[in-house]
Amino acid sequence: MVEKVRELAGQSGWIIEEAGPEPEVAVEATWGWYWAADLIADMGGTVHLGHPLAIKGYENRRVKNDLADATLLADLLRMNRLPEAWIAPDSIRQLRELVRYRQLSQMRSGLKGQIHSVMGKEAIIPTLVELWGPAGTAYLDSLDMGDAYALRVDSLRDLVDIFDDEIRQLEKRIHQRLKEDTGYRVVQQLNGVGRVHAAVFVAEIGDVHRFPNARKLCSWAGLTPKVKESDLKSYPQSISKQGSRLVRWWAVEAVSRYHGGAEIRDLYQRVAERRGRNIGKVAAARKLLTLVYYGLRDGEIRCLRDAA
């Protein structure tokens, strides 16, 4: 791998030299773009990272290959019409890698679901609401199942324990990395926002100052409605869901149980009565993300300070 990068570095250096001093280089945000963007920047080029969702609108053409794609990127850059994505610094990329790897919890949920599935094959309906505490452990130990089913359940339980340990170690490492970050500590003052939520917000949002206001952040997260316009009429639609899926999911998750606490609950109730609970959750999540924006930008959330 190292030799391959060195080979590419030599080729890239020659190409960049041919392009003249301080060339402008367009790169599409696709698989493995990190090292390419860093390499071009180290060699004196200015990298413009093309946003793949926005570029899709230009791809309805008969011929599609690497040369045609590169020509399209160059033309868009030349016309100053290239939709660009933010290039996160290496520290943010590594933090994102840790935070995104916490999807191990989803894999763990799948293992727990398999245990329920095996129990169902033996007509065993759990008598406990929570199977994953001390009482649940004793209950699973007491089950009388066929050899094949018992073997599979025991194996799945061992895997769940391994995943539990990996997730604990990962969360500890993320916290150690962020414990001195002011924004990380401040956003945890919001009702429903814990360490995991705060880590996702800090890692995925990155430099919050790249957003001029909270509405831009909410739009980036896909929590603002799409709008269709014709002549002088506009037609608001559902939220776009185009943006950071992690930020959007965790924002909704944070308000799902307590609806954001005193600062947000009234908004949720008003919207839920008028439009339904799901839309009320989305409105509450957008309000929560607005407060997250101010917490990361200002190092405090003034409405919480005033309430105290």
C-alpha atoms as a PDB file:
ATOM      1  CA  MET A   1       0.000   0.000   0.000  1.00  0.00           C
ATOM      2  CA  VAL A   2       2.803   2.412   0.906  1.00  0.00           C
ATOM      3  CA  GLU A   3       4.588   1.669  -2.373  1.00  0.00           C
ATOM      4  CA  LYS A   4       1.344   2.253  -4.286  1.00  0.00           C
ATOM      5  CA  VAL A   5       0.865   5.647  -2.641  1.00  0.00           C
ATOM      6  CA  ARG A   6       4.467   6.596  -3.449  1.00  0.00           C
ATOM      7  CA  GLU A   7       3.913   5.591  -7.069  1.00  0.00           C
ATOM      8  CA  LEU A   8       0.727   7.656  -7.250  1.00  0.00           C
ATOM      9  CA  ALA A   9       2.512  10.550  -5.565  1.00  0.00           C
ATOM     10  CA  GLY A  10       5.164  10.511  -8.282  1.00  0.00           C
ATOM     11  CA  GLN A  11       2.557  10.459 -11.037  1.00  0.00           C
ATOM     12  CA  SER A  12       0.473  13.169  -9.351  1.00  0.00           C
ATOM     13  CA  GLY A  13       3.530  15.368  -8.856  1.00  0.00           C
ATOM     14  CA  TRP A  14       4.294  15.230 -12.571  1.00  0.00           C
ATOM     15  CA  ILE A  15       0.682  15.992 -13.525  1.00  0.00           C
ATOM     16  CA  ILE A  16       0.455  18.920 -11.066  1.00  0.00           C
ATOM     17  CA  GLU A  17       3.710  20.357 -12.394  1.00  0.00           C
ATOM     18  CA  GLU A  18       2.263  20.214 -15.910  1.00  0.00           C
ATOM     19  CA  ALA A  19      -0.805  22.143 -14.655  1.00  0.00           C
ATOM     20  CA  GLY A  20       1.304  25.122 -13.606  1.00  0.00           C
ATOM     21  CA  PRO A  21       1.830  26.821 -10.243  1.00  0.00           C
ATOM     22  CA  GLU A  22      -0.938  26.457  -7.607  1.00  0.00           C
ATOM     23  CA  PRO A  23      -3.428  24.611  -9.832  1.00  0.00           C
ATOM     24  CA  GLU A  24      -7.131  24.267  -9.006  1.00  0.00           C
ATOM     25  CA  VAL A  25      -8.060  20.570  -8.811  1.00  0.00           C
ATOM     26  CA  ALA A  26     -11.600  19.159  -8.719  1.00  0.00           C
ATOM     27  CA  VAL A  27     -12.090  15.809  -6.964  1.00  0.00           C
ATOM     28  CA  GLU A  28     -15.398  14.008  -6.550  1.00  0.00           C
ATOM     29  CA  ALA A  29     -16.217  12.870  -3.013  1.00  0.00           C
ATOM     30  CA  THR A  30     -16.142   9.160  -3.670  1.00  0.00           C
ATOM     31  CA  TRP A  31     -14.495   6.070  -2.164  1.00  0.00           C
ATOM     32  CA  GLY A  32     -11.041   6.759  -0.716  1.00  0.00           C
ATOM     33  CA  TRP A  33     -10.811  10.478  -1.485  1.00  0.00           C
ATOM     34  CA  TYR A  34      -9.036  11.355   1.799  1.00  0.00           C
ATOM     35  CA  TRP A  35      -5.508  10.465   0.749  1.00  0.00           C
ATOM     36  CA  ALA A  36      -5.936  11.922  -2.755  1.00  0.00           C
ATOM     37  CA  ALA A  37      -7.081  15.309  -1.446  1.00  0.00           C
ATOM     38  CA  ASP A  38      -4.223  15.419   1.083  1.00  0.00           C
ATOM     39  CA  LEU A  39      -1.681  14.418  -1.561  1.00  0.00           C
ATOM     40  CA  ILE A  40      -2.815  17.129  -3.992  1.00  0.00           C
ATOM     41  CA  ALA A  41      -2.781  19.763  -1.248  1.00  0.00           C
ATOM     42  CA  ASP A  42       0.733  18.732  -0.145  1.00  0.00           C
ATOM     43  CA  MET A  43       1.935  19.184  -3.722  1.00  0.00           C
ATOM     44  CA  GLY A  44       0.674  22.745  -3.940  1.00  0.00           C
ATOM     45  CA  GLY A  45      -2.738  22.223  -5.524  1.00  0.00           C
ATOM     46  CA  THR A  46      -6.002  23.727  -4.290  1.00  0.00           C
ATOM     47  CA  VAL A  47      -8.544  20.943  -3.860  1.00  0.00           C
ATOM     48  CA  HIS A  48     -12.238  21.451  -4.660  1.00  0.00           C
ATOM     49  CA  LEU A  49     -14.288  18.496  -3.402  1.00  0.00           C
ATOM     50  CA  GLY A  50     -17.340  17.957  -5.593  1.00  0.00           C
ATOM     51  CA  HIS A  51     -20.554  17.077  -3.774  1.00  0.00           C
ATOM     52  CA  PRO A  52     -21.827  13.783  -5.299  1.00  0.00           C
ATOM     53  CA  LEU A  53     -25.541  14.471  -4.689  1.00  0.00           C
ATOM     54  CA  ALA A  54     -25.410  17.804  -6.491  1.00  0.00           C
ATOM     55  CA  ILE A  55     -23.316  16.443  -9.360  1.00  0.00           C
ATOM     56  CA  LYS A  56     -25.890  13.707 -10.028  1.00  0.00           C
ATOM     57  CA  GLY A  57     -28.048  16.233 -11.826  1.00  0.00           C
ATOM     58  CA  TYR A  58     -25.408  16.506 -14.554  1.00  0.00           C
ATOM     59  CA  GLU A  59     -25.009  12.764 -15.124  1.00  0.00           C
ATOM     60  CA  ASN A  60     -27.928  12.159 -17.498  1.00  0.00           C
ATOM     61  CA  ARG A  61     -25.736  11.616 -20.534  1.00  0.00           C
ATOM     62  CA  ARG A  62     -25.188   8.773 -22.980  1.00  0.00           C
ATOM     63  CA  VAL A  63     -21.454   8.304 -22.400  1.00  0.00           C
ATOM     64  CA  LYS A  64     -20.267   7.876 -18.825  1.00  0.00           C
ATOM     65  CA  ASN A  65     -16.668   6.928 -18.125  1.00  0.00           C
ATOM     66  CA  ASP A  66     -13.718   8.287 -16.153  1.00  0.00           C
ATOM     67  CA  LEU A  67     -12.695  10.697 -18.897  1.00  0.00           C
ATOM     68  CA  ALA A  68     -16.217  12.089 -19.281  1.00  0.00           C
ATOM     69  CA  ASP A  69     -16.564  12.429 -15.480  1.00  0.00           C
ATOM     70  CA  ALA A  70     -13.216  14.239 -15.193  1.00  0.00           C
ATOM     71  CA  THR A  71     -14.152  16.564 -18.054  1.00  0.00           C
ATOM     72  CA  LEU A  72     -17.467  17.372 -16.374  1.00  0.00           C
ATOM     73  CA  LEU A  73     -15.733  18.217 -13.062  1.00  0.00           C
ATOM     74  CA  ALA A  74     -13.201  20.420 -14.868  1.00  0.00           C
ATOM     75  CA  ASP A  75     -15.934  22.240 -16.793  1.00  0.00           C
ATOM     76  CA  LEU A  76     -18.009  22.856 -13.647  1.00  0.00           C
ATOM     77  CA  LEU A  77     -14.923  24.167 -11.835  1.00  0.00           C
ATOM     78  CA  ARG A  78     -13.985  26.404 -14.761  1.00  0.00           C
ATOM     79  CA  MET A  79     -17.518  27.898 -14.838  1.00  0.00           C
ATOM     80  CA  ASN A  80     -17.526  28.298 -11.049  1.00  0.00           C
ATOM     81  CA  ARG A  81     -20.559  26.010 -10.853  1.00  0.00           C
ATOM     82  CA  LEU A  82     -19.007  23.066  -9.024  1.00  0.00           C
ATOM     83  CA  PRO A  83     -21.109  22.192  -5.931  1.00  0.00           C
ATOM     84  CA  GLU A  84     -18.473  21.768  -3.239  1.00  0.00           C
ATOM     85  CA  ALA A  85     -18.377  19.756  -0.035  1.00  0.00           C
ATOM     86  CA  TRP A  86     -16.362  20.706   3.034  1.00  0.00           C
ATOM     87  CA  ILE A  87     -12.958  19.033   3.361  1.00  0.00           C
ATOM     88  CA  ALA A  88     -12.647  18.131   7.031  1.00  0.00           C
ATOM     89  CA  PRO A  89      -9.159  18.247   8.585  1.00  0.00           C
ATOM     90  CA  ASP A  90      -7.497  14.983   9.500  1.00  0.00           C
ATOM     91  CA  SER A  91      -8.340  15.277  13.221  1.00  0.00           C
ATOM     92  CA  ILE A  92     -12.065  15.541  12.433  1.00  0.00           C
ATOM     93  CA  ARG A  93     -11.890  12.659   9.968  1.00  0.00           C
ATOM     94  CA  GLN A  94     -10.314  10.398  12.594  1.00  0.00           C
ATOM     95  CA  LEU A  95     -12.904  11.440  15.178  1.00  0.00           C
ATOM     96  CA  ARG A  96     -15.665  10.686  12.670  1.00  0.00           C
ATOM     97  CA  GLU A  97     -14.145   7.260  12.072  1.00  0.00           C
ATOM     98  CA  LEU A  98     -14.438   6.454  15.784  1.00  0.00           C
ATOM     99  CA  VAL A  99     -17.964   7.838  16.086  1.00  0.00           C
ATOM    100  CA  ARG A 100     -19.225   6.070  12.973  1.00  0.00           C
ATOM    101  CA  TYR A 101     -17.675   2.803  14.097  1.00  0.00           C
ATOM    102  CA  ARG A 102     -20.101   2.864  16.996  1.00  0.00           C
ATOM    103  CA  GLN A 103     -22.554   1.299  14.548  1.00  0.00           C
ATOM    104  CA  LEU A 104     -21.332  -1.835  16.303  1.00  0.00           C
ATOM    105  CA  SER A 105     -24.366  -1.219  18.516  1.00  0.00           C
ATOM    106  CA  GLN A 106     -26.617  -1.889  15.510  1.00  0.00           C
ATOM    107  CA  MET A 107     -24.813  -5.155  14.853  1.00  0.00           C
ATOM    108  CA  ARG A 108     -25.234  -6.037  18.534  1.00  0.00           C
ATOM    109  CA  SER A 109     -28.986  -5.390  18.235  1.00  0.00           C
ATOM    110  CA  GLY A 110     -29.046  -7.834  15.339  1.00  0.00           C
ATOM    111  CA  LEU A 111     -27.434 -10.507  17.516  1.00  0.00           C
ATOM    112  CA  LYS A 112     -30.015  -9.932  20.250  1.00  0.00           C
ATOM    113  CA  GLY A 113     -32.758 -10.206  17.660  1.00  0.00           C
ATOM    114  CA  GLN A 114     -31.387 -13.590  16.607  1.00  0.00           C
ATOM    115  CA  ILE A 115     -31.604 -14.802  20.208  1.00  0.00           C
ATOM    116  CA  HIS A 116     -35.297 -13.878  20.287  1.00  0.00           C
ATOM    117  CA  SER A 117     -35.746 -15.649  16.952  1.00  0.00           C
ATOM    118  CA  VAL A 118     -34.190 -18.887  18.223  1.00  0.00           C
ATOM    119  CA  MET A 119     -36.315 -18.769  21.370  1.00  0.00           C
ATOM    120  CA  GLY A 120     -39.404 -18.400  19.187  1.00  0.00           C
ATOM    121  CA  LYS A 121     -38.538 -21.651  17.393  1.00  0.00           C
ATOM    122  CA  GLU A 122     -38.800 -23.394  20.759  1.00  0.00           C
ATOM    123  CA  ALA A 123     -42.078 -21.594  21.578  1.00  0.00           C
ATOM    124  CA  ILE A 124     -40.346 -19.694  24.393  1.00  0.00           C
ATOM    125  CA  ILE A 125     -41.898 -16.294  25.102  1.00  0.00           C
ATOM    126  CA  PRO A 126     -39.672 -14.209  27.423  1.00  0.00           C
ATOM    127  CA  THR A 127     -41.253 -13.441  30.782  1.00  0.00           C
ATOM    128  CA  LEU A 128     -38.877 -10.501  31.299  1.00  0.00           C
ATOM    129  CA  VAL A 129     -39.050  -7.124  29.604  1.00  0.00           C
ATOM    130  CA  GLU A 130     -35.243  -6.742  29.685  1.00  0.00           C
ATOM    131  CA  LEU A 131     -33.167  -9.821  28.870  1.00  0.00           C
ATOM    132  CA  TRP A 132     -29.768  -8.142  29.014  1.00  0.00           C
ATOM    133  CA  GLY A 133     -29.377  -7.433  32.726  1.00  0.00           C
ATOM    134  CA  PRO A 134     -28.507  -9.776  35.634  1.00  0.00           C
ATOM    135  CA  ALA A 135     -32.077 -11.136  35.818  1.00  0.00           C
ATOM    136  CA  GLY A 136     -32.079 -11.752  32.070  1.00  0.00           C
ATOM    137  CA  THR A 137     -28.774 -13.622  32.303  1.00  0.00           C
ATOM    138  CA  ALA A 138     -30.202 -15.954  34.938  1.00  0.00           C
ATOM    139  CA  TYR A 139     -33.356 -16.430  32.864  1.00  0.00           C
ATOM    140  CA  LEU A 140     -31.422 -17.356  29.703  1.00  0.00           C
ATOM    141  CA  ASP A 141     -29.240 -19.751  31.721  1.00  0.00           C
ATOM    142  CA  SER A 142     -32.357 -21.574  32.928  1.00  0.00           C
ATOM    143  CA  LEU A 143     -33.871 -22.188  29.477  1.00  0.00           C
ATOM    144  CA  ASP A 144     -34.337 -25.810  28.373  1.00  0.00           C
ATOM    145  CA  MET A 145     -33.812 -25.970  24.605  1.00  0.00           C
ATOM    146  CA  GLY A 146     -32.640 -28.478  22.054  1.00  0.00           C
ATOM    147  CA  ASP A 147     -28.889 -28.888  21.667  1.00  0.00           C
ATOM    148  CA  ALA A 148     -28.645 -26.984  18.373  1.00  0.00           C
ATOM    149  CA  TYR A 149     -30.773 -24.103  19.649  1.00  0.00           C
ATOM    150  CA  ALA A 150     -28.910 -23.919  22.968  1.00  0.00           C
ATOM    151  CA  LEU A 151     -25.563 -23.942  21.137  1.00  0.00           C
ATOM    152  CA  ARG A 152     -26.625 -21.059  18.914  1.00  0.00           C
ATOM    153  CA  VAL A 153     -28.010 -19.000  21.822  1.00  0.00           C
ATOM    154  CA  ASP A 154     -24.830 -19.518  23.871  1.00  0.00           C
ATOM    155  CA  SER A 155     -22.688 -18.466  20.900  1.00  0.00           C
ATOM    156  CA  LEU A 156     -24.818 -15.386  20.283  1.00  0.00           C
ATOM    157  CA  ARG A 157     -24.614 -14.411  23.965  1.00  0.00           C
ATOM    158  CA  ASP A 158     -20.825 -14.682  23.833  1.00  0.00           C
ATOM    159  CA  LEU A 159     -20.780 -12.417  20.773  1.00  0.00           C
ATOM    160  CA  VAL A 160     -23.050  -9.898  22.516  1.00  0.00           C
ATOM    161  CA  ASP A 161     -20.596  -9.797  25.434  1.00  0.00           C
ATOM    162  CA  ILE A 162     -17.709  -9.169  23.014  1.00  0.00           C
ATOM    163  CA  PHE A 163     -19.617  -6.358  21.323  1.00  0.00           C
ATOM    164  CA  ASP A 164     -20.506  -4.850  24.717  1.00  0.00           C
ATOM    165  CA  ASP A 165     -16.818  -4.725  25.636  1.00  0.00           C
ATOM    166  CA  GLU A 166     -15.774  -3.241  22.280  1.00  0.00           C
ATOM    167  CA  ILE A 167     -18.466  -0.548  22.490  1.00  0.00           C
ATOM    168  CA  ARG A 168     -17.455   0.366  26.060  1.00  0.00           C
ATOM    169  CA  GLN A 169     -13.806   0.705  25.040  1.00  0.00           C
ATOM    170  CA  LEU A 170     -14.758   2.753  21.982  1.00  0.00           C
ATOM    171  CA  GLU A 171     -16.976   5.133  23.965  1.00  0.00           C
ATOM    172  CA  LYS A 172     -14.204   5.557  26.556  1.00  0.00           C
ATOM    173  CA  ARG A 173     -11.711   6.453  23.832  1.00  0.00           C
ATOM    174  CA  ILE A 174     -14.102   8.955  22.234  1.00  0.00           C
ATOM    175  CA  HIS A 175     -14.754  10.612  25.591  1.00  0.00           C
ATOM    176  CA  GLN A 176     -11.043  10.870  26.381  1.00  0.00           C
ATOM    177  CA  ARG A 177     -10.535  12.555  23.030  1.00  0.00           C
ATOM    178  CA  LEU A 178     -13.357  15.083  23.537  1.00  0.00           C
ATOM    179  CA  LYS A 179     -13.464  15.704  27.285  1.00  0.00           C
ATOM    180  CA  GLU A 180     -11.650  19.041  26.960  1.00  0.00           C
ATOM    181  CA  ASP A 181     -13.836  20.221  24.063  1.00  0.00           C
ATOM    182  CA  THR A 182     -16.115  23.047  25.229  1.00  0.00           C
ATOM    183  CA  GLY A 183     -18.866  22.354  22.696  1.00  0.00           C
ATOM    184  CA  TYR A 184     -18.914  18.667  23.640  1.00  0.00           C
ATOM    185  CA  ARG A 185     -19.547  19.541  27.278  1.00  0.00           C
ATOM    186  CA  VAL A 186     -22.044  22.335  26.594  1.00  0.00           C
ATOM    187  CA  VAL A 187     -24.427  20.422  24.321  1.00  0.00           C
ATOM    188  CA  GLN A 188     -24.776  17.716  26.976  1.00  0.00           C
ATOM    189  CA  GLN A 189     -26.742  20.273  29.004  1.00  0.00           C
ATOM    190  CA  LEU A 190     -29.629  19.741  26.577  1.00  0.00           C
ATOM    191  CA  ASN A 191     -32.330  17.338  27.659  1.00  0.00           C
ATOM    192  CA  GLY A 192     -31.833  13.956  25.967  1.00  0.00           C
ATOM    193  CA  VAL A 193     -28.275  14.656  24.787  1.00  0.00           C
ATOM    194  CA  GLY A 194     -25.677  12.375  26.346  1.00  0.00           C
ATOM    195  CA  ARG A 195     -22.068  11.592  25.554  1.00  0.00           C
ATOM    196  CA  VAL A 196     -22.836   9.616  22.405  1.00  0.00           C
ATOM    197  CA  HIS A 197     -25.178  12.288  21.022  1.00  0.00           C
ATOM    198  CA  ALA A 198     -22.668  15.044  21.798  1.00  0.00           C
ATOM    199  CA  ALA A 199     -19.810  13.120  20.177  1.00  0.00           C
ATOM    200  CA  VAL A 200     -21.858  12.619  16.999  1.00  0.00           C
ATOM    201  CA  PHE A 201     -22.744  16.318  16.818  1.00  0.00           C
ATOM    202  CA  VAL A 202     -19.153  17.476  17.376  1.00  0.00           C
ATOM    203  CA  ALA A 203     -17.598  14.974  14.961  1.00  0.00           C
ATOM    204  CA  GLU A 204     -20.110  15.202  12.120  1.00  0.00           C
ATOM    205  CA  ILE A 205     -20.657  18.978  12.231  1.00  0.00           C
ATOM    206  CA  GLY A 206     -16.943  19.739  12.585  1.00  0.00           C
ATOM    207  CA  ASP A 207     -16.240  23.457  12.257  1.00  0.00           C
ATOM    208  CA  VAL A 208     -19.642  24.954  13.084  1.00  0.00           C
ATOM    209  CA  HIS A 209     -18.518  28.394  11.878  1.00  0.00           C
ATOM    210  CA  ARG A 210     -18.811  27.185   8.278  1.00  0.00           C
ATOM    211  CA  PHE A 211     -22.583  27.567   8.744  1.00  0.00           C
ATOM    212  CA  PRO A 212     -23.654  31.253   8.800  1.00  0.00           C
ATOM    213  CA  ASN A 213     -26.734  30.473  10.913  1.00  0.00           C
ATOM    214  CA  ALA A 214     -28.626  27.638  12.570  1.00  0.00           C
ATOM    215  CA  ARG A 215     -31.040  27.269   9.650  1.00  0.00           C
ATOM    216  CA  LYS A 216     -28.138  26.396   7.338  1.00  0.00           C
ATOM    217  CA  LEU A 217     -27.038  23.687   9.759  1.00  0.00           C
ATOM    218  CA  CYS A 218     -30.565  22.239   9.919  1.00  0.00           C
ATOM    219  CA  SER A 219     -30.725  22.276   6.118  1.00  0.00           C
ATOM    220  CA  TRP A 220     -27.343  20.501   5.915  1.00  0.00           C
ATOM    221  CA  ALA A 221     -28.716  17.821   8.255  1.00  0.00           C
ATOM    222  CA  GLY A 222     -31.791  17.328   6.045  1.00  0.00           C
ATOM    223  CA  LEU A 223     -34.270  18.605   8.654  1.00  0.00           C
ATOM    224  CA  THR A 224     -35.738  21.449   6.569  1.00  0.00           C
ATOM    225  CA  PRO A 225     -38.581  20.967   4.052  1.00  0.00           C
ATOM    226  CA  LYS A 226     -38.123  20.782   0.323  1.00  0.00           C
ATOM    227  CA  VAL A 227     -39.905  23.527  -1.606  1.00  0.00           C
ATOM    228  CA  LYS A 228     -41.256  23.359  -5.151  1.00  0.00           C
ATOM    229  CA  GLU A 229     -41.940  26.674  -6.859  1.00  0.00           C
ATOM    230  CA  SER A 230     -43.927  27.568  -9.962  1.00  0.00           C
ATOM    231  CA  ASP A 231     -44.245  31.191 -10.997  1.00  0.00           C
ATOM    232  CA  LEU A 232     -45.160  33.060  -7.779  1.00  0.00           C
ATOM    233  CA  LYS A 233     -46.439  30.016  -5.924  1.00  0.00           C
ATOM    234  CA  SER A 234     -44.393  27.792  -3.621  1.00  0.00           C
ATOM    235  CA  TYR A 235     -45.310  24.351  -2.325  1.00  0.00           C
ATOM    236  CA  PRO A 236     -43.556  23.186   0.882  1.00  0.00           C
ATOM    237  CA  GLN A 237     -43.043  19.430   1.081  1.00  0.00           C
ATOM    238  CA  SER A 238     -41.591  16.961   3.547  1.00  0.00           C
ATOM    239  CA  ILE A 239     -38.076  17.351   4.918  1.00  0.00           C
ATOM    240  CA  SER A 240     -35.323  16.744   2.377  1.00  0.00           C
ATOM    241  CA  LYS A 241     -33.431  14.013   4.301  1.00  0.00           C
ATOM    242  CA  GLN A 242     -30.419  15.023   2.231  1.00  0.00           C
ATOM    243  CA  GLY A 243     -27.428  15.578   4.449  1.00  0.00           C
ATOM    244  CA  SER A 244     -25.838  13.982   7.475  1.00  0.00           C
ATOM    245  CA  ARG A 245     -27.959  10.936   8.252  1.00  0.00           C
ATOM    246  CA  LEU A 246     -26.184  10.444  11.586  1.00  0.00           C
ATOM    247  CA  VAL A 247     -26.848  13.981  12.825  1.00  0.00           C
ATOM    248  CA  ARG A 248     -30.487  13.788  11.723  1.00  0.00           C
ATOM    249  CA  TRP A 249     -31.051  10.375  13.338  1.00  0.00           C
ATOM    250  CA  TRP A 250     -29.428  11.280  16.655  1.00  0.00           C
ATOM    251  CA  ALA A 251     -31.267  14.629  16.822  1.00  0.00           C
ATOM    252  CA  VAL A 252     -34.607  12.831  16.455  1.00  0.00           C
ATOM    253  CA  GLU A 253     -33.468  10.146  18.903  1.00  0.00           C
ATOM    254  CA  ALA A 254     -32.602  12.800  21.510  1.00  0.00           C
ATOM    255  CA  VAL A 255     -36.163  14.201  21.533  1.00  0.00           C
ATOM    256  CA  SER A 256     -38.023  10.901  21.153  1.00  0.00           C
ATOM    257  CA  ARG A 257     -38.616  10.218  24.840  1.00  0.00           C
ATOM    258  CA  TYR A 258     -38.815  13.523  26.696  1.00  0.00           C
ATOM    259  CA  HIS A 259     -39.391  15.782  23.660  1.00  0.00           C
ATOM    260  CA  GLY A 260     -36.448  18.029  24.439  1.00  0.00           C
ATOM    261  CA  GLY A 261     -37.364  19.107  27.955  1.00  0.00           C
ATOM    262  CA  ALA A 262     -38.832  22.452  28.985  1.00  0.00           C
ATOM    263  CA  GLU A 263     -37.112  24.412  26.191  1.00  0.00           C
ATOM    264  CA  ILE A 264     -38.587  22.310  23.367  1.00  0.00           C
ATOM    265  CA  ARG A 265     -41.589  20.381  24.718  1.00  0.00           C
ATOM    266  CA  ASP A 266     -44.115  23.170  24.069  1.00  0.00           C
ATOM    267  CA  LEU A 267     -43.080  23.302  20.401  1.00  0.00           C
ATOM    268  CA  TYR A 268     -43.444  19.533  20.109  1.00  0.00           C
ATOM    269  CA  GLN A 269     -46.927  19.581  21.648  1.00  0.00           C
ATOM    270  CA  ARG A 270     -48.172  22.409  19.423  1.00  0.00           C
ATOM    271  CA  VAL A 271     -46.947  20.759  16.236  1.00  0.00           C
ATOM    272  CA  ALA A 272     -48.025  17.251  17.318  1.00  0.00           C
ATOM    273  CA  GLU A 273     -51.587  18.396  17.998  1.00  0.00           C
ATOM    274  CA  ARG A 274     -51.793  20.045  14.602  1.00  0.00           C
ATOM    275  CA  ARG A 275     -49.717  17.743  12.350  1.00  0.00           C
ATOM    276  CA  GLY A 276     -49.155  14.501  14.250  1.00  0.00           C
ATOM    277  CA  ARG A 277     -46.483  13.130  16.576  1.00  0.00           C
ATOM    278  CA  ASN A 278     -43.934  12.216  13.900  1.00  0.00           C
ATOM    279  CA  ILE A 279     -43.865  15.729  12.482  1.00  0.00           C
ATOM    280  CA  GLY A 280     -43.780  17.031  16.050  1.00  0.00           C
ATOM    281  CA  LYS A 281     -40.611  15.003  16.653  1.00  0.00           C
ATOM    282  CA  VAL A 282     -39.013  16.424  13.525  1.00  0.00           C
ATOM    283  CA  ALA A 283     -39.854  19.978  14.630  1.00  0.00           C
ATOM    284  CA  ALA A 284     -38.416  19.267  18.091  1.00  0.00           C
ATOM    285  CA  ALA A 285     -35.269  17.732  16.558  1.00  0.00           C
ATOM    286  CA  ARG A 286     -34.769  20.814  14.415  1.00  0.00           C
ATOM    287  CA  LYS A 287     -35.129  23.062  17.481  1.00  0.00           C
ATOM    288  CA  LEU A 288     -32.660  20.865  19.359  1.00  0.00           C
ATOM    289  CA  LEU A 289     -30.152  21.113  16.508  1.00  0.00           C
ATOM    290  CA  THR A 290     -30.604  24.889  16.527  1.00  0.00           C
ATOM    291  CA  LEU A 291     -29.592  24.937  20.211  1.00  0.00           C
ATOM    292  CA  VAL A 292     -26.679  22.602  19.425  1.00  0.00           C
ATOM    293  CA  TYR A 293     -25.528  25.127  16.827  1.00  0.00           C
ATOM    294  CA  TYR A 294     -25.415  27.947  19.387  1.00  0.00           C
ATOM    295  CA  GLY A 295     -23.750  25.691  21.952  1.00  0.00           C
ATOM    296  CA  LEU A 296     -20.944  24.768  19.557  1.00  0.00           C
ATOM    297  CA  ARG A 297     -20.577  28.303  18.195  1.00  0.00           C
ATOM    298  CA  ASP A 298     -20.792  30.326  21.427  1.00  0.00           C
ATOM    299  CA  GLY A 299     -19.658  27.819  24.042  1.00  0.00           C
ATOM    300  CA  GLU A 300     -22.956  28.299  25.869  1.00  0.00           C
ATOM    301  CA  ILE A 301     -26.691  27.921  25.316  1.00  0.00           C
ATOM    302  CA  ARG A 302     -28.179  31.160  26.573  1.00  0.00           C
ATOM    303  CA  CYS A 303     -31.758  29.947  26.999  1.00  0.00           C
ATOM    304  CA  LEU A 304     -30.492  27.305  29.449  1.00  0.00           C
ATOM    305  CA  ARG A 305     -28.389  29.885  31.279  1.00  0.00           C
ATOM    306  CA  ASP A 306     -31.338  32.288  31.559  1.00  0.00           C
ATOM    307  CA  ALA A 307     -33.642  29.509  32.799  1.00  0.00           C
ATOM    308  CA  ALA A 308     -31.136  28.660  35.524  1.00  0.00           C
END
